[in-house]
Amino acid sequence: MKPDALIQIVDKWVTARTVKSARQLSRRHFLSRFGKLMVGISLVPVLPVARAAETRLQLPEIGDPQDCDYWRYCAIDGYLCSCCGGSESKCPPGAEPSPVTWIGTCENPADGKRYIISYNDCCGKGECGRCFCNRNEGDKPAYYPPKNNDINWCVGTKTNAYHCSTAVVVGVDES
């Protein structure tokens, strides 16, 4: 079948469907459906996707956030943002957090509870070069990305340049 013949078939089909719908639907019906579609599209940004509120858990803290043995860093791989001008949960100025993260669960020795930790890479600047840590507790192979710490997670940012990593507590592991 030639490409021109295929285009003619598709054109005839689209024309027939358009004429049929024009005969069956009134302008008011079309405008009401179109209006509903526009309202629905305008509400999409309101949906709670990737808009989790930053929860501030009151955690008993033990240890130094600039040390690899700090309890939150049980599955971290990279330079600690707490040594690079940021904190254990915030990127340093000039770096942006990657929207894509890996997760782990770490036990807080102060209260004996396990917490869900979101490891976020901070991107947009050159490598920090201070306080490198590579702890692999619970690390999974690369074919299971959400629990693998060997991936450059800066893919969702303006630049893929990795700077450092943070460890944000997202909640208590209730399992």
C-alpha atoms as a PDB file:
ATOM      1  CA  MET A   1       0.000   0.000   0.000  1.00  0.00           C
ATOM      2  CA  LYS A   2       1.369   3.377  -0.990  1.00  0.00           C
ATOM      3  CA  PRO A   3       1.641   6.149   1.603  1.00  0.00           C
ATOM      4  CA  ASP A   4      -0.722   8.344  -0.439  1.00  0.00           C
ATOM      5  CA  ALA A   5      -3.394   5.639  -0.387  1.00  0.00           C
ATOM      6  CA  LEU A   6      -3.081   5.309   3.386  1.00  0.00           C
ATOM      7  CA  ILE A   7      -3.408   9.071   3.814  1.00  0.00           C
ATOM      8  CA  GLN A   8      -6.550   9.074   1.642  1.00  0.00           C
ATOM      9  CA  ILE A   9      -8.106   6.275   3.719  1.00  0.00           C
ATOM     10  CA  VAL A  10      -7.364   8.084   6.982  1.00  0.00           C
ATOM     11  CA  ASP A  11      -8.639  11.368   5.522  1.00  0.00           C
ATOM     12  CA  LYS A  12     -11.936   9.780   4.415  1.00  0.00           C
ATOM     13  CA  TRP A  13     -12.385   8.135   7.821  1.00  0.00           C
ATOM     14  CA  VAL A  14     -11.723  11.402   9.719  1.00  0.00           C
ATOM     15  CA  THR A  15     -14.056  13.328   7.394  1.00  0.00           C
ATOM     16  CA  ALA A  16     -16.836  10.763   7.846  1.00  0.00           C
ATOM     17  CA  ARG A  17     -16.472  10.814  11.658  1.00  0.00           C
ATOM     18  CA  THR A  18     -16.472  14.626  11.717  1.00  0.00           C
ATOM     19  CA  VAL A  19     -19.599  14.894   9.549  1.00  0.00           C
ATOM     20  CA  LYS A  20     -21.369  12.217  11.623  1.00  0.00           C
ATOM     21  CA  SER A  21     -20.589  13.967  14.916  1.00  0.00           C
ATOM     22  CA  ALA A  22     -21.641  17.338  13.448  1.00  0.00           C
ATOM     23  CA  ARG A  23     -25.044  15.844  12.552  1.00  0.00           C
ATOM     24  CA  GLN A  24     -25.542  14.234  15.968  1.00  0.00           C
ATOM     25  CA  LEU A  25     -24.187  16.896  18.326  1.00  0.00           C
ATOM     26  CA  SER A  26     -25.397  20.446  18.801  1.00  0.00           C
ATOM     27  CA  ARG A  27     -23.093  23.404  19.340  1.00  0.00           C
ATOM     28  CA  ARG A  28     -24.307  23.688  22.925  1.00  0.00           C
ATOM     29  CA  HIS A  29     -23.431  20.058  23.549  1.00  0.00           C
ATOM     30  CA  PHE A  30     -19.989  20.578  22.056  1.00  0.00           C
ATOM     31  CA  LEU A  31     -19.414  23.778  24.044  1.00  0.00           C
ATOM     32  CA  SER A  32     -20.514  22.159  27.314  1.00  0.00           C
ATOM     33  CA  ARG A  33     -18.171  19.197  26.761  1.00  0.00           C
ATOM     34  CA  PHE A  34     -15.352  21.497  25.714  1.00  0.00           C
ATOM     35  CA  GLY A  35     -15.935  23.671  28.804  1.00  0.00           C
ATOM     36  CA  LYS A  36     -15.801  20.620  31.078  1.00  0.00           C
ATOM     37  CA  LEU A  37     -12.565  19.571  29.418  1.00  0.00           C
ATOM     38  CA  MET A  38     -11.028  23.014  29.956  1.00  0.00           C
ATOM     39  CA  VAL A  39     -12.085  23.084  33.629  1.00  0.00           C
ATOM     40  CA  GLY A  40     -10.656  19.589  34.107  1.00  0.00           C
ATOM     41  CA  ILE A  41      -7.363  20.550  32.493  1.00  0.00           C
ATOM     42  CA  SER A  42      -7.121  23.679  34.626  1.00  0.00           C
ATOM     43  CA  LEU A  43      -7.516  21.588  37.806  1.00  0.00           C
ATOM     44  CA  VAL A  44      -4.639  19.216  36.998  1.00  0.00           C
ATOM     45  CA  PRO A  45      -1.995  21.409  38.720  1.00  0.00           C
ATOM     46  CA  VAL A  46      -4.044  21.246  41.929  1.00  0.00           C
ATOM     47  CA  LEU A  47      -3.625  17.469  42.191  1.00  0.00           C
ATOM     48  CA  PRO A  48      -1.281  16.352  44.997  1.00  0.00           C
ATOM     49  CA  VAL A  49       1.253  14.682  42.717  1.00  0.00           C
ATOM     50  CA  ALA A  50       4.832  15.418  43.816  1.00  0.00           C
ATOM     51  CA  ARG A  51       3.592  18.105  46.172  1.00  0.00           C
ATOM     52  CA  ALA A  52       4.136  16.409  49.504  1.00  0.00           C
ATOM     53  CA  ALA A  53       4.308  18.911  52.308  1.00  0.00           C
ATOM     54  CA  GLU A  54       7.599  19.041  54.112  1.00  0.00           C
ATOM     55  CA  THR A  55       6.891  17.304  57.383  1.00  0.00           C
ATOM     56  CA  ARG A  56       8.933  18.294  60.376  1.00  0.00           C
ATOM     57  CA  LEU A  57       9.270  15.283  62.633  1.00  0.00           C
ATOM     58  CA  GLN A  58      10.635  16.026  66.063  1.00  0.00           C
ATOM     59  CA  LEU A  59      13.438  13.476  66.145  1.00  0.00           C
ATOM     60  CA  PRO A  60      15.870  12.788  68.920  1.00  0.00           C
ATOM     61  CA  GLU A  61      19.248  13.219  67.226  1.00  0.00           C
ATOM     62  CA  ILE A  62      22.501  11.475  68.082  1.00  0.00           C
ATOM     63  CA  GLY A  63      25.666  11.931  66.078  1.00  0.00           C
ATOM     64  CA  ASP A  64      27.374  14.384  63.794  1.00  0.00           C
ATOM     65  CA  PRO A  65      25.690  15.109  60.411  1.00  0.00           C
ATOM     66  CA  GLN A  66      29.172  15.587  58.922  1.00  0.00           C
ATOM     67  CA  ASP A  67      30.179  11.997  59.776  1.00  0.00           C
ATOM     68  CA  CYS A  68      29.471   8.972  57.555  1.00  0.00           C
ATOM     69  CA  ASP A  69      28.315   7.019  60.608  1.00  0.00           C
ATOM     70  CA  TYR A  70      25.455   9.457  61.261  1.00  0.00           C
ATOM     71  CA  TRP A  71      22.292   7.353  61.524  1.00  0.00           C
ATOM     72  CA  ARG A  72      20.459   8.888  58.526  1.00  0.00           C
ATOM     73  CA  TYR A  73      23.253   7.933  56.145  1.00  0.00           C
ATOM     74  CA  CYS A  74      22.760   4.138  56.261  1.00  0.00           C
ATOM     75  CA  ALA A  75      22.192   3.936  52.479  1.00  0.00           C
ATOM     76  CA  ILE A  76      23.870   7.099  51.193  1.00  0.00           C
ATOM     77  CA  ASP A  77      26.359   7.209  48.335  1.00  0.00           C
ATOM     78  CA  GLY A  78      28.055  10.527  47.624  1.00  0.00           C
ATOM     79  CA  TYR A  79      29.333  13.713  49.198  1.00  0.00           C
ATOM     80  CA  LEU A  80      27.472  14.876  52.303  1.00  0.00           C
ATOM     81  CA  CYS A  81      25.712  18.212  51.794  1.00  0.00           C
ATOM     82  CA  SER A  82      26.299  18.943  55.488  1.00  0.00           C
ATOM     83  CA  CYS A  83      30.016  19.277  54.589  1.00  0.00           C
ATOM     84  CA  CYS A  84      29.326  21.306  51.441  1.00  0.00           C
ATOM     85  CA  GLY A  85      27.414  24.321  52.744  1.00  0.00           C
ATOM     86  CA  GLY A  86      24.011  22.693  53.183  1.00  0.00           C
ATOM     87  CA  SER A  87      22.614  20.439  55.886  1.00  0.00           C
ATOM     88  CA  GLU A  88      21.636  16.802  56.187  1.00  0.00           C
ATOM     89  CA  SER A  89      18.238  17.714  54.696  1.00  0.00           C
ATOM     90  CA  LYS A  90      18.861  20.871  52.600  1.00  0.00           C
ATOM     91  CA  CYS A  91      20.932  21.532  49.490  1.00  0.00           C
ATOM     92  CA  PRO A  92      23.608  24.218  49.693  1.00  0.00           C
ATOM     93  CA  PRO A  93      22.941  27.577  48.015  1.00  0.00           C
ATOM     94  CA  GLY A  94      23.248  27.371  44.236  1.00  0.00           C
ATOM     95  CA  ALA A  95      22.366  23.672  44.061  1.00  0.00           C
ATOM     96  CA  GLU A  96      18.897  22.343  43.328  1.00  0.00           C
ATOM     97  CA  PRO A  97      17.429  19.095  44.680  1.00  0.00           C
ATOM     98  CA  SER A  98      16.729  16.407  42.137  1.00  0.00           C
ATOM     99  CA  PRO A  99      13.022  15.568  41.850  1.00  0.00           C
ATOM    100  CA  VAL A 100      13.983  11.896  41.551  1.00  0.00           C
ATOM    101  CA  THR A 101      15.268  10.156  44.691  1.00  0.00           C
ATOM    102  CA  TRP A 102      16.122   6.799  46.176  1.00  0.00           C
ATOM    103  CA  ILE A 103      14.843   5.644  49.536  1.00  0.00           C
ATOM    104  CA  GLY A 104      16.022   3.624  52.483  1.00  0.00           C
ATOM    105  CA  THR A 105      15.077   2.887  56.062  1.00  0.00           C
ATOM    106  CA  CYS A 106      17.512   3.646  58.860  1.00  0.00           C
ATOM    107  CA  GLU A 107      17.302   3.031  62.594  1.00  0.00           C
ATOM    108  CA  ASN A 108      17.676   6.040  64.852  1.00  0.00           C
ATOM    109  CA  PRO A 109      19.768   4.875  67.835  1.00  0.00           C
ATOM    110  CA  ALA A 110      18.246   7.592  70.030  1.00  0.00           C
ATOM    111  CA  ASP A 111      14.758   6.048  70.011  1.00  0.00           C
ATOM    112  CA  GLY A 112      15.240   2.635  68.347  1.00  0.00           C
ATOM    113  CA  LYS A 113      12.682   3.416  65.611  1.00  0.00           C
ATOM    114  CA  ARG A 114      13.241   2.890  61.899  1.00  0.00           C
ATOM    115  CA  TYR A 115      12.615   5.919  59.689  1.00  0.00           C
ATOM    116  CA  ILE A 116      12.001   6.200  55.946  1.00  0.00           C
ATOM    117  CA  ILE A 117      14.780   8.306  54.449  1.00  0.00           C
ATOM    118  CA  SER A 118      14.616   9.985  51.049  1.00  0.00           C
ATOM    119  CA  TYR A 119      18.097  10.456  49.623  1.00  0.00           C
ATOM    120  CA  ASN A 120      18.105  13.479  47.340  1.00  0.00           C
ATOM    121  CA  ASP A 121      21.007  14.455  45.118  1.00  0.00           C
ATOM    122  CA  CYS A 122      21.715  18.178  44.917  1.00  0.00           C
ATOM    123  CA  CYS A 123      22.617  19.191  41.394  1.00  0.00           C
ATOM    124  CA  GLY A 124      23.755  22.130  39.311  1.00  0.00           C
ATOM    125  CA  LYS A 125      27.241  22.683  40.716  1.00  0.00           C
ATOM    126  CA  GLY A 126      30.460  20.716  40.391  1.00  0.00           C
ATOM    127  CA  GLU A 127      31.243  17.883  42.796  1.00  0.00           C
ATOM    128  CA  CYS A 128      31.716  19.059  46.363  1.00  0.00           C
ATOM    129  CA  GLY A 129      34.707  16.806  47.032  1.00  0.00           C
ATOM    130  CA  ARG A 130      34.311  16.711  50.833  1.00  0.00           C
ATOM    131  CA  CYS A 131      32.966  14.012  53.174  1.00  0.00           C
ATOM    132  CA  PHE A 132      32.453  11.194  50.661  1.00  0.00           C
ATOM    133  CA  CYS A 133      30.358   8.325  52.042  1.00  0.00           C
ATOM    134  CA  ASN A 134      29.353   5.039  50.453  1.00  0.00           C
ATOM    135  CA  ARG A 135      27.094   2.995  52.693  1.00  0.00           C
ATOM    136  CA  ASN A 136      24.995   0.336  51.059  1.00  0.00           C
ATOM    137  CA  GLU A 137      22.626  -1.005  53.717  1.00  0.00           C
ATOM    138  CA  GLY A 138      19.540  -2.239  51.853  1.00  0.00           C
ATOM    139  CA  ASP A 139      20.942  -1.239  48.462  1.00  0.00           C
ATOM    140  CA  LYS A 140      19.364  -3.183  45.601  1.00  0.00           C
ATOM    141  CA  PRO A 141      20.782  -3.920  42.127  1.00  0.00           C
ATOM    142  CA  ALA A 142      20.574  -1.237  39.432  1.00  0.00           C
ATOM    143  CA  TYR A 143      17.607  -2.962  37.800  1.00  0.00           C
ATOM    144  CA  TYR A 144      15.568  -1.884  40.866  1.00  0.00           C
ATOM    145  CA  PRO A 145      16.290   1.882  40.704  1.00  0.00           C
ATOM    146  CA  PRO A 146      14.185   3.214  43.627  1.00  0.00           C
ATOM    147  CA  LYS A 147      16.453   1.377  46.076  1.00  0.00           C
ATOM    148  CA  ASN A 148      19.759   1.739  44.246  1.00  0.00           C
ATOM    149  CA  ASN A 149      22.218   4.429  45.250  1.00  0.00           C
ATOM    150  CA  ASP A 150      24.722   4.062  42.387  1.00  0.00           C
ATOM    151  CA  ILE A 151      22.704   6.073  39.869  1.00  0.00           C
ATOM    152  CA  ASN A 152      23.197   9.768  39.099  1.00  0.00           C
ATOM    153  CA  TRP A 153      19.774  11.016  40.163  1.00  0.00           C
ATOM    154  CA  CYS A 154      20.299  14.510  38.668  1.00  0.00           C
ATOM    155  CA  VAL A 155      18.467  13.562  35.473  1.00  0.00           C
ATOM    156  CA  GLY A 156      15.390  15.661  36.295  1.00  0.00           C
ATOM    157  CA  THR A 157      17.246  18.943  36.793  1.00  0.00           C
ATOM    158  CA  LYS A 158      18.494  21.698  34.491  1.00  0.00           C
ATOM    159  CA  THR A 159      21.972  20.214  34.521  1.00  0.00           C
ATOM    160  CA  ASN A 160      23.168  16.688  35.262  1.00  0.00           C
ATOM    161  CA  ALA A 161      26.087  17.954  37.359  1.00  0.00           C
ATOM    162  CA  TYR A 162      26.102  16.181  40.746  1.00  0.00           C
ATOM    163  CA  HIS A 163      27.151  18.195  43.820  1.00  0.00           C
ATOM    164  CA  CYS A 164      26.174  16.369  47.039  1.00  0.00           C
ATOM    165  CA  SER A 165      23.475  14.239  48.699  1.00  0.00           C
ATOM    166  CA  THR A 166      20.953  14.889  51.465  1.00  0.00           C
ATOM    167  CA  ALA A 167      19.040  12.506  53.732  1.00  0.00           C
ATOM    168  CA  VAL A 168      15.511  13.751  54.396  1.00  0.00           C
ATOM    169  CA  VAL A 169      13.358  11.913  56.946  1.00  0.00           C
ATOM    170  CA  VAL A 170       9.937  11.337  55.374  1.00  0.00           C
ATOM    171  CA  GLY A 171       8.238   9.305  58.062  1.00  0.00           C
ATOM    172  CA  VAL A 172       8.330   6.408  60.488  1.00  0.00           C
ATOM    173  CA  ASP A 173       8.632   2.877  59.096  1.00  0.00           C
ATOM    174  CA  GLU A 174       5.530   1.220  60.530  1.00  0.00           C
ATOM    175  CA  SER A 175       6.135  -2.227  59.019  1.00  0.00           C
END
